[in-house]
């Protein structure tokens, strides 16, 4: 292995089309995690990837949260 390498003629990775993913910490209830883990087992895709795909679809379709509380 060389002590130094010359990267002056290097090019950026042409296969990266999107920005790198950002690591976040999020608290999810266990039922939700279990649901996505079951989907992961059925599809062979990591559950974190499935959650990301679902959230990305929500962004693409501009979905909003419908929160309603029962009247007392």
Protein backbone atom coordinates (compact mmCIF):
# COMPACT_ATOMS: atom_id res chain seq x y z
CA UNK A 1 0.00 0.00 0.00
CA UNK A 2 1.30 3.43 -0.89
CA UNK A 3 1.99 5.99 1.80
CA UNK A 4 0.08 8.61 -0.25
CA UNK A 5 -2.38 8.49 -3.12
CA UNK A 6 -3.07 11.18 -5.73
CA UNK A 7 -6.80 11.88 -5.98
CA UNK A 8 -6.43 15.09 -7.97
CA UNK A 9 -7.82 13.39 -11.10
CA UNK A 10 -10.61 11.62 -9.25
CA UNK A 11 -14.28 12.03 -10.12
CA UNK A 12 -17.35 12.00 -7.89
CA UNK A 13 -19.40 8.82 -7.68
CA UNK A 14 -21.77 8.99 -10.69
CA UNK A 15 -24.14 6.49 -9.09
CA UNK A 16 -25.18 8.75 -6.22
CA UNK A 17 -28.32 10.52 -7.43
CA UNK A 18 -29.75 11.55 -4.08
CA UNK A 19 -28.40 13.23 -1.03
CA UNK A 20 -27.04 10.85 1.59
CA UNK A 21 -29.51 9.71 4.20
CA UNK A 22 -29.64 11.50 7.53
CA UNK A 23 -29.54 9.46 10.71
CA UNK A 24 -32.33 10.31 13.16
CA UNK A 25 -33.62 8.88 16.40
CA UNK A 26 -37.36 8.29 16.51
CA UNK A 27 -39.53 6.57 19.09
CA UNK A 28 -42.13 4.23 17.65
CA UNK A 29 -44.58 2.05 19.50
CA UNK A 30 -43.76 -1.65 19.52
CA UNK A 31 -46.85 -2.58 17.45
CA UNK A 32 -45.67 -0.30 14.63
CA UNK A 33 -42.15 -1.71 14.68
CA UNK A 34 -43.50 -5.27 14.73
CA UNK A 35 -45.70 -4.49 11.72
CA UNK A 36 -42.78 -3.20 9.65
CA UNK A 37 -40.52 -6.06 10.80
CA UNK A 38 -43.17 -8.53 9.61
CA UNK A 39 -43.32 -6.74 6.26
CA UNK A 40 -39.53 -6.98 6.15
CA UNK A 41 -39.66 -10.75 6.66
CA UNK A 42 -42.29 -11.12 3.95
CA UNK A 43 -40.48 -8.96 1.40
CA UNK A 44 -36.81 -9.52 2.23
CA UNK A 45 -36.29 -5.76 2.57
CA UNK A 46 -34.90 -4.25 5.79
CA UNK A 47 -37.64 -2.77 7.96
CA UNK A 48 -35.87 0.59 8.17
CA UNK A 49 -35.88 0.72 4.36
CA UNK A 50 -39.61 -0.06 4.27
CA UNK A 51 -40.32 2.71 6.79
CA UNK A 52 -38.22 5.11 4.67
CA UNK A 53 -40.07 4.07 1.50
CA UNK A 54 -43.42 4.60 3.21
CA UNK A 55 -42.46 8.05 4.50
CA UNK A 56 -40.98 9.03 1.12
CA UNK A 57 -44.29 8.03 -0.51
CA UNK A 58 -46.12 10.27 1.97
CA UNK A 59 -43.85 13.16 1.00
CA UNK A 60 -44.29 12.48 -2.73
CA UNK A 61 -48.09 12.39 -2.39
CA UNK A 62 -48.08 15.34 0.04
CA UNK A 63 -50.10 13.40 2.60
CA UNK A 64 -51.03 15.14 5.81
CA UNK A 65 -51.94 13.80 9.22
CA UNK A 66 -55.63 13.77 10.09
CA UNK A 67 -55.79 14.07 13.85
CA UNK A 68 -59.22 14.15 15.43
CA UNK A 69 -60.18 13.73 19.04
CA UNK A 70 -63.52 12.36 20.19
CA UNK A 71 -65.82 14.97 21.64
CA UNK A 72 -66.52 14.64 25.35
